[in-house]
Amino acid sequence: MAFVQPVTLAQRGVQLVPLELAHETGLRAAAADGELWKLRVTSVPGPDETRAYIETALQARTEGHRFAFAVLDELSGRVLGSTSYHDILPAVKRVEIGYTWYAKSAQRTHVNTSCKLMLLTHAFETLGCHVVGWRTDNFNFASQAAIERLGAKKDGVIRGHALRRDGTIRDTVMYSLAQGEWPEVKAQLLYLLDRPHGKGGAC
């Protein structure tokens, strides 16, 4: 049995559902909202890459090392973006959260904070994870700041770790959150969502 089982999560008008080929049109529209594939430090699919992006995610789900979600507006069903558990390690009960991106119109709203609350709650309280990790491009300063705002600790930098979409080689900044740190982080996420005009960045 796979460590991460298919599940639908919902929080404050935002829904996470297992990513499927049926989301192709909505995912393409979300990426077009801001032409996100033009950003050098992200892996957002271009218009002609969306189906392959989903197929790759589904193959990774079958292999057990990544589980991708479509992020939906619960009321309208509109696709707002995507996020994943990845580098899933059942033996040590560790997952990472990544492959996260949102349509420009959903950025700097409560969407990301809601998604992180759902993913972290499920990881720590349902899957029983000991650690949840993140990784990001060394030049993706917005992502680094958003991860740090969550309360995650910086583990270090892996130099010359991966290729960017433009063919250059990136350094990868690694972060993690331990199970014992989760209650305080959860309280902070709830506080951010409950305050007027709560906002959260992407990570």
C-alpha atoms as a PDB file:
ATOM      1  CA  MET A   1       0.000   0.000   0.000  1.00  0.00           C
ATOM      2  CA  ALA A   2       1.330   3.439  -0.926  1.00  0.00           C
ATOM      3  CA  PHE A   3       2.341   5.709   1.953  1.00  0.00           C
ATOM      4  CA  VAL A   4       0.308   8.618   0.522  1.00  0.00           C
ATOM      5  CA  GLN A   5      -3.172   7.444  -0.419  1.00  0.00           C
ATOM      6  CA  PRO A   6      -5.571   9.403  -2.674  1.00  0.00           C
ATOM      7  CA  VAL A   7      -7.354  11.991  -0.577  1.00  0.00           C
ATOM      8  CA  THR A   8      -9.309  15.215  -1.065  1.00  0.00           C
ATOM      9  CA  LEU A   9      -8.580  17.995   1.411  1.00  0.00           C
ATOM     10  CA  ALA A  10     -10.611  21.193   1.871  1.00  0.00           C
ATOM     11  CA  GLN A  11     -10.030  24.343   3.891  1.00  0.00           C
ATOM     12  CA  ARG A  12     -11.615  27.794   3.688  1.00  0.00           C
ATOM     13  CA  GLY A  13     -12.865  27.549   0.134  1.00  0.00           C
ATOM     14  CA  VAL A  14      -9.726  25.876  -1.210  1.00  0.00           C
ATOM     15  CA  GLN A  15      -9.690  22.228  -2.222  1.00  0.00           C
ATOM     16  CA  LEU A  16      -6.809  19.850  -2.930  1.00  0.00           C
ATOM     17  CA  VAL A  17      -7.750  16.924  -5.158  1.00  0.00           C
ATOM     18  CA  PRO A  18      -5.511  14.284  -6.749  1.00  0.00           C
ATOM     19  CA  LEU A  19      -4.171  15.667 -10.033  1.00  0.00           C
ATOM     20  CA  GLU A  20      -5.665  13.943 -13.092  1.00  0.00           C
ATOM     21  CA  LEU A  21      -5.593  14.363 -16.872  1.00  0.00           C
ATOM     22  CA  ALA A  22      -9.061  15.906 -16.576  1.00  0.00           C
ATOM     23  CA  HIS A  23      -7.385  18.960 -15.017  1.00  0.00           C
ATOM     24  CA  GLU A  24      -5.327  19.696 -18.137  1.00  0.00           C
ATOM     25  CA  THR A  25      -7.436  22.578 -19.461  1.00  0.00           C
ATOM     26  CA  GLY A  26      -7.789  24.196 -16.051  1.00  0.00           C
ATOM     27  CA  LEU A  27      -4.096  23.799 -15.277  1.00  0.00           C
ATOM     28  CA  ARG A  28      -3.154  25.368 -18.611  1.00  0.00           C
ATOM     29  CA  ALA A  29      -5.430  28.338 -17.880  1.00  0.00           C
ATOM     30  CA  ALA A  30      -3.949  28.760 -14.401  1.00  0.00           C
ATOM     31  CA  ALA A  31      -0.397  28.822 -15.788  1.00  0.00           C
ATOM     32  CA  ALA A  32      -1.473  31.341 -18.449  1.00  0.00           C
ATOM     33  CA  ASP A  33      -2.678  33.663 -15.675  1.00  0.00           C
ATOM     34  CA  GLY A  34       0.637  35.502 -15.396  1.00  0.00           C
ATOM     35  CA  GLU A  35       2.504  33.415 -18.024  1.00  0.00           C
ATOM     36  CA  LEU A  36       4.172  31.585 -15.153  1.00  0.00           C
ATOM     37  CA  TRP A  37       6.242  29.276 -17.359  1.00  0.00           C
ATOM     38  CA  LYS A  38       8.414  32.287 -18.230  1.00  0.00           C
ATOM     39  CA  LEU A  39       9.747  32.436 -14.669  1.00  0.00           C
ATOM     40  CA  ARG A  40      13.293  31.094 -14.700  1.00  0.00           C
ATOM     41  CA  VAL A  41      13.258  29.644 -11.168  1.00  0.00           C
ATOM     42  CA  THR A  42      10.040  27.606 -11.362  1.00  0.00           C
ATOM     43  CA  SER A  43       8.937  24.432 -13.145  1.00  0.00           C
ATOM     44  CA  VAL A  44       5.490  25.628 -14.264  1.00  0.00           C
ATOM     45  CA  PRO A  45       4.503  23.917 -17.538  1.00  0.00           C
ATOM     46  CA  GLY A  46       4.085  25.912 -20.720  1.00  0.00           C
ATOM     47  CA  PRO A  47       0.865  25.644 -22.739  1.00  0.00           C
ATOM     48  CA  ASP A  48       2.174  22.740 -24.842  1.00  0.00           C
ATOM     49  CA  GLU A  49       3.743  20.983 -21.849  1.00  0.00           C
ATOM     50  CA  THR A  50       0.719  20.684 -19.574  1.00  0.00           C
ATOM     51  CA  ARG A  51      -0.374  17.172 -20.534  1.00  0.00           C
ATOM     52  CA  ALA A  52       3.181  15.836 -20.263  1.00  0.00           C
ATOM     53  CA  TYR A  53       3.490  17.573 -16.886  1.00  0.00           C
ATOM     54  CA  ILE A  54       0.415  15.725 -15.594  1.00  0.00           C
ATOM     55  CA  GLU A  55       1.512  12.419 -17.119  1.00  0.00           C
ATOM     56  CA  THR A  56       4.904  12.733 -15.423  1.00  0.00           C
ATOM     57  CA  ALA A  57       3.202  13.427 -12.095  1.00  0.00           C
ATOM     58  CA  LEU A  58       0.907  10.415 -12.515  1.00  0.00           C
ATOM     59  CA  GLN A  59       3.868   8.180 -13.319  1.00  0.00           C
ATOM     60  CA  ALA A  60       5.643   9.428 -10.195  1.00  0.00           C
ATOM     61  CA  ARG A  61       2.501   8.629  -8.171  1.00  0.00           C
ATOM     62  CA  THR A  62       2.560   5.072  -9.524  1.00  0.00           C
ATOM     63  CA  GLU A  63       6.234   4.794  -8.560  1.00  0.00           C
ATOM     64  CA  GLY A  64       5.421   6.079  -5.079  1.00  0.00           C
ATOM     65  CA  HIS A  65       7.780   9.045  -4.805  1.00  0.00           C
ATOM     66  CA  ARG A  66       5.448  11.955  -5.667  1.00  0.00           C
ATOM     67  CA  PHE A  67       1.755  12.642  -5.155  1.00  0.00           C
ATOM     68  CA  ALA A  68       0.472  15.700  -7.032  1.00  0.00           C
ATOM     69  CA  PHE A  69      -2.676  17.680  -6.257  1.00  0.00           C
ATOM     70  CA  ALA A  70      -4.703  20.155  -8.269  1.00  0.00           C
ATOM     71  CA  VAL A  71      -5.557  23.251  -6.233  1.00  0.00           C
ATOM     72  CA  LEU A  72      -9.183  24.233  -6.813  1.00  0.00           C
ATOM     73  CA  ASP A  73     -11.500  27.031  -5.848  1.00  0.00           C
ATOM     74  CA  GLU A  74     -14.060  24.940  -3.985  1.00  0.00           C
ATOM     75  CA  LEU A  75     -17.072  27.041  -5.013  1.00  0.00           C
ATOM     76  CA  SER A  76     -16.393  27.378  -8.736  1.00  0.00           C
ATOM     77  CA  GLY A  77     -14.165  24.362  -9.329  1.00  0.00           C
ATOM     78  CA  ARG A  78     -11.622  26.586 -11.107  1.00  0.00           C
ATOM     79  CA  VAL A  79      -8.072  25.245 -11.087  1.00  0.00           C
ATOM     80  CA  LEU A  80      -5.808  27.664  -9.212  1.00  0.00           C
ATOM     81  CA  GLY A  81      -2.548  25.739  -9.520  1.00  0.00           C
ATOM     82  CA  SER A  82      -0.842  22.624  -8.282  1.00  0.00           C
ATOM     83  CA  THR A  83       1.226  21.322  -5.371  1.00  0.00           C
ATOM     84  CA  SER A  84       2.725  17.971  -4.424  1.00  0.00           C
ATOM     85  CA  TYR A  85       4.157  15.736  -1.791  1.00  0.00           C
ATOM     86  CA  HIS A  86       7.435  14.499  -3.248  1.00  0.00           C
ATOM     87  CA  ASP A  87      10.602  12.632  -2.281  1.00  0.00           C
ATOM     88  CA  ILE A  88       8.282  10.451  -0.217  1.00  0.00           C
ATOM     89  CA  LEU A  89      10.259   8.213   2.165  1.00  0.00           C
ATOM     90  CA  PRO A  90       7.892   5.831   3.968  1.00  0.00           C
ATOM     91  CA  ALA A  91      10.667   4.068   5.929  1.00  0.00           C
ATOM     92  CA  VAL A  92      11.573   7.258   7.791  1.00  0.00           C
ATOM     93  CA  LYS A  93       8.124   8.875   7.493  1.00  0.00           C
ATOM     94  CA  ARG A  94       9.292  11.928   5.619  1.00  0.00           C
ATOM     95  CA  VAL A  95       7.764  13.842   2.727  1.00  0.00           C
ATOM     96  CA  GLU A  96       8.642  17.106   1.042  1.00  0.00           C
ATOM     97  CA  ILE A  97       6.198  19.713  -0.220  1.00  0.00           C
ATOM     98  CA  GLY A  98       6.966  21.236  -3.592  1.00  0.00           C
ATOM     99  CA  TYR A  99       6.130  21.584  -7.280  1.00  0.00           C
ATOM    100  CA  THR A 100       3.932  24.373  -5.926  1.00  0.00           C
ATOM    101  CA  TRP A 101       2.613  27.164  -8.098  1.00  0.00           C
ATOM    102  CA  TYR A 102      -0.532  29.266  -8.339  1.00  0.00           C
ATOM    103  CA  ALA A 103      -2.187  31.432 -10.966  1.00  0.00           C
ATOM    104  CA  LYS A 104      -1.130  35.041 -10.573  1.00  0.00           C
ATOM    105  CA  SER A 105      -4.646  36.014  -9.442  1.00  0.00           C
ATOM    106  CA  ALA A 106      -4.409  33.486  -6.576  1.00  0.00           C
ATOM    107  CA  GLN A 107      -1.003  34.651  -5.370  1.00  0.00           C
ATOM    108  CA  ARG A 108      -0.737  36.826  -2.256  1.00  0.00           C
ATOM    109  CA  THR A 109      -4.118  35.534  -1.062  1.00  0.00           C
ATOM    110  CA  HIS A 110      -5.093  32.999   1.594  1.00  0.00           C
ATOM    111  CA  VAL A 111      -4.750  30.148  -0.942  1.00  0.00           C
ATOM    112  CA  ASN A 112      -1.140  29.196  -0.218  1.00  0.00           C
ATOM    113  CA  THR A 113      -1.537  29.416   3.555  1.00  0.00           C
ATOM    114  CA  SER A 114      -4.641  27.224   3.351  1.00  0.00           C
ATOM    115  CA  CYS A 115      -2.813  24.671   1.190  1.00  0.00           C
ATOM    116  CA  LYS A 116       0.148  24.531   3.556  1.00  0.00           C
ATOM    117  CA  LEU A 117      -2.178  24.066   6.538  1.00  0.00           C
ATOM    118  CA  MET A 118      -3.927  21.167   4.765  1.00  0.00           C
ATOM    119  CA  LEU A 119      -0.743  19.481   3.562  1.00  0.00           C
ATOM    120  CA  LEU A 120       1.086  19.819   6.869  1.00  0.00           C
ATOM    121  CA  THR A 121      -1.917  18.697   8.909  1.00  0.00           C
ATOM    122  CA  HIS A 122      -2.321  15.619   6.723  1.00  0.00           C
ATOM    123  CA  ALA A 123       1.414  14.859   6.794  1.00  0.00           C
ATOM    124  CA  PHE A 124       1.867  15.140  10.557  1.00  0.00           C
ATOM    125  CA  GLU A 125      -1.547  14.128  11.881  1.00  0.00           C
ATOM    126  CA  THR A 126      -2.678  11.477   9.378  1.00  0.00           C
ATOM    127  CA  LEU A 127       0.503  10.109   7.789  1.00  0.00           C
ATOM    128  CA  GLY A 128       2.447  10.414  11.034  1.00  0.00           C
ATOM    129  CA  CYS A 129       5.456  12.060   9.410  1.00  0.00           C
ATOM    130  CA  HIS A 130       8.477  12.828  11.567  1.00  0.00           C
ATOM    131  CA  VAL A 131       9.749  15.521   9.191  1.00  0.00           C
ATOM    132  CA  VAL A 132       8.366  17.558   6.296  1.00  0.00           C
ATOM    133  CA  GLY A 133      10.860  19.190   3.953  1.00  0.00           C
ATOM    134  CA  TRP A 134      11.052  21.829   1.226  1.00  0.00           C
ATOM    135  CA  ARG A 135      13.633  22.657  -1.405  1.00  0.00           C
ATOM    136  CA  THR A 136      13.904  25.688  -3.631  1.00  0.00           C
ATOM    137  CA  ASP A 137      16.166  27.450  -6.112  1.00  0.00           C
ATOM    138  CA  ASN A 138      18.865  29.587  -4.509  1.00  0.00           C
ATOM    139  CA  PHE A 139      17.606  32.546  -6.578  1.00  0.00           C
ATOM    140  CA  ASN A 140      13.936  32.012  -5.710  1.00  0.00           C
ATOM    141  CA  PHE A 141      14.001  34.481  -2.837  1.00  0.00           C
ATOM    142  CA  ALA A 142      10.208  34.770  -2.649  1.00  0.00           C
ATOM    143  CA  SER A 143       9.899  31.028  -2.090  1.00  0.00           C
ATOM    144  CA  GLN A 144      12.664  31.029   0.522  1.00  0.00           C
ATOM    145  CA  ALA A 145      10.985  33.858   2.418  1.00  0.00           C
ATOM    146  CA  ALA A 146       7.607  32.094   2.298  1.00  0.00           C
ATOM    147  CA  ILE A 147       9.080  28.824   3.584  1.00  0.00           C
ATOM    148  CA  GLU A 148      10.839  30.648   6.407  1.00  0.00           C
ATOM    149  CA  ARG A 149       7.597  32.418   7.324  1.00  0.00           C
ATOM    150  CA  LEU A 150       6.070  28.984   7.872  1.00  0.00           C
ATOM    151  CA  GLY A 151       8.604  28.355  10.612  1.00  0.00           C
ATOM    152  CA  ALA A 152      10.710  25.804   8.713  1.00  0.00           C
ATOM    153  CA  LYS A 153      14.414  25.594   9.524  1.00  0.00           C
ATOM    154  CA  LYS A 154      17.094  26.007   6.863  1.00  0.00           C
ATOM    155  CA  ASP A 155      19.103  22.786   6.653  1.00  0.00           C
ATOM    156  CA  GLY A 156      21.672  23.999   4.148  1.00  0.00           C
ATOM    157  CA  VAL A 157      22.477  24.425   0.466  1.00  0.00           C
ATOM    158  CA  ILE A 158      23.276  21.660  -2.023  1.00  0.00           C
ATOM    159  CA  ARG A 159      25.564  23.221  -4.606  1.00  0.00           C
ATOM    160  CA  GLY A 160      25.288  22.363  -8.295  1.00  0.00           C
ATOM    161  CA  HIS A 161      22.228  20.261  -7.574  1.00  0.00           C
ATOM    162  CA  ALA A 162      19.792  20.532 -10.495  1.00  0.00           C
ATOM    163  CA  LEU A 163      19.134  21.988 -13.926  1.00  0.00           C
ATOM    164  CA  ARG A 164      16.852  24.961 -14.419  1.00  0.00           C
ATOM    165  CA  ARG A 165      14.483  25.091 -17.374  1.00  0.00           C
ATOM    166  CA  ASP A 166      16.946  27.393 -19.190  1.00  0.00           C
ATOM    167  CA  GLY A 167      19.749  24.836 -18.867  1.00  0.00           C
ATOM    168  CA  THR A 168      21.717  26.612 -16.142  1.00  0.00           C
ATOM    169  CA  ILE A 169      22.687  24.704 -13.008  1.00  0.00           C
ATOM    170  CA  ARG A 170      21.120  25.760  -9.731  1.00  0.00           C
ATOM    171  CA  ASP A 171      22.049  25.444  -6.091  1.00  0.00           C
ATOM    172  CA  THR A 172      19.191  24.050  -3.979  1.00  0.00           C
ATOM    173  CA  VAL A 173      18.242  25.486  -0.583  1.00  0.00           C
ATOM    174  CA  MET A 174      16.870  22.804   1.772  1.00  0.00           C
ATOM    175  CA  TYR A 175      14.413  23.381   4.646  1.00  0.00           C
ATOM    176  CA  SER A 176      12.590  21.128   7.088  1.00  0.00           C
ATOM    177  CA  LEU A 177       9.989  21.130   9.837  1.00  0.00           C
ATOM    178  CA  ALA A 178      10.055  18.488  12.587  1.00  0.00           C
ATOM    179  CA  GLN A 179       6.991  16.916  14.166  1.00  0.00           C
ATOM    180  CA  GLY A 180       7.689  18.577  17.524  1.00  0.00           C
ATOM    181  CA  GLU A 181       7.637  22.008  15.852  1.00  0.00           C
ATOM    182  CA  TRP A 182       4.285  21.429  14.157  1.00  0.00           C
ATOM    183  CA  PRO A 183       1.892  22.553  16.957  1.00  0.00           C
ATOM    184  CA  GLU A 184       3.408  26.049  17.048  1.00  0.00           C
ATOM    185  CA  VAL A 185       3.493  26.304  13.258  1.00  0.00           C
ATOM    186  CA  LYS A 186      -0.128  25.125  13.047  1.00  0.00           C
ATOM    187  CA  ALA A 187      -1.189  27.796  15.545  1.00  0.00           C
ATOM    188  CA  GLN A 188       0.620  30.436  13.474  1.00  0.00           C
ATOM    189  CA  LEU A 189      -1.009  29.325  10.216  1.00  0.00           C
ATOM    190  CA  LEU A 190      -4.455  29.426  11.831  1.00  0.00           C
ATOM    191  CA  TYR A 191      -3.686  32.892  13.189  1.00  0.00           C
ATOM    192  CA  LEU A 192      -2.679  34.115   9.721  1.00  0.00           C
ATOM    193  CA  LEU A 193      -5.868  32.727   8.197  1.00  0.00           C
ATOM    194  CA  ASP A 194      -8.136  34.121  10.892  1.00  0.00           C
ATOM    195  CA  ARG A 195      -6.781  37.653  10.886  1.00  0.00           C
ATOM    196  CA  PRO A 196      -8.359  40.158   8.469  1.00  0.00           C
ATOM    197  CA  HIS A 197      -6.991  39.865   4.929  1.00  0.00           C
ATOM    198  CA  GLY A 198      -4.682  36.951   5.805  1.00  0.00           C
ATOM    199  CA  LYS A 199      -2.105  36.364   3.073  1.00  0.00           C
ATOM    200  CA  GLY A 200       0.588  33.821   2.325  1.00  0.00           C
ATOM    201  CA  GLY A 201       3.348  33.447  -0.259  1.00  0.00           C
ATOM    202  CA  ALA A 202       4.052  30.398  -2.422  1.00  0.00           C
ATOM    203  CA  CYS A 203       6.437  27.666  -1.336  1.00  0.00           C
END
